[in-house]
Amino acid sequence: MVCYLWMVCHLWMVCHLWMVCHLWMVCHLWMVCHLWMVCYLQLG
């Protein structure tokens, strides 16, 4: 039982961390792309 709970907890943590990292990466990339586009349009 304890082993099972530990497994569930561990999997949830891994999933959660992966989700947070993934969302941060997507947001970061979107921000960079957006800024690049704004700069490009203003300079162009």
Protein backbone atom coordinates (compact mmCIF):
# COMPACT_ATOMS: atom_id res chain seq x y z
CA MET A 1 0.00 0.00 0.00
CA VAL A 2 2.74 2.44 0.95
CA CYS A 3 4.62 1.45 -2.19
CA TYR A 4 1.52 2.10 -4.28
CA LEU A 5 0.99 5.53 -2.72
CA TRP A 6 4.64 6.41 -3.26
CA MET A 7 4.36 5.40 -6.92
CA VAL A 8 1.23 7.51 -7.44
CA CYS A 9 2.81 10.47 -5.67
CA HIS A 10 6.00 10.12 -7.69
CA LEU A 11 4.15 9.87 -10.99
CA TRP A 12 2.01 12.89 -10.11
CA MET A 13 5.12 14.91 -9.23
CA VAL A 14 6.86 13.95 -12.45
CA CYS A 15 3.75 14.79 -14.50
CA HIS A 16 3.29 18.07 -12.68
CA LEU A 17 6.92 19.11 -13.15
CA TRP A 18 6.82 18.13 -16.80
CA MET A 19 3.64 20.15 -17.30
CA VAL A 20 5.09 23.22 -15.59
CA CYS A 21 8.32 22.97 -17.58
CA HIS A 22 6.40 22.45 -20.81
CA LEU A 23 4.08 25.40 -20.18
CA TRP A 24 7.03 27.62 -19.23
CA MET A 25 8.88 26.62 -22.39
CA VAL A 26 5.84 27.28 -24.58
CA CYS A 27 5.22 30.67 -22.93
CA HIS A 28 8.89 31.59 -23.22
CA LEU A 29 9.08 30.63 -26.89
CA TRP A 30 5.85 32.50 -27.61
CA MET A 31 7.19 35.60 -25.84
CA VAL A 32 10.46 35.48 -27.78
CA CYS A 33 8.63 35.00 -31.08
CA HIS A 34 6.21 37.80 -30.25
CA LEU A 35 9.00 40.23 -29.29
CA TRP A 36 10.97 39.31 -32.40
CA MET A 37 7.89 39.96 -34.56
CA VAL A 38 7.22 43.32 -32.88
CA CYS A 39 10.85 44.41 -33.31
CA TYR A 40 10.87 43.20 -36.91
CA LEU A 41 7.67 45.10 -37.74
CA GLN A 42 8.85 48.28 -36.03
CA LEU A 43 12.28 48.21 -37.70
CA GLY A 44 10.90 47.06 -41.06
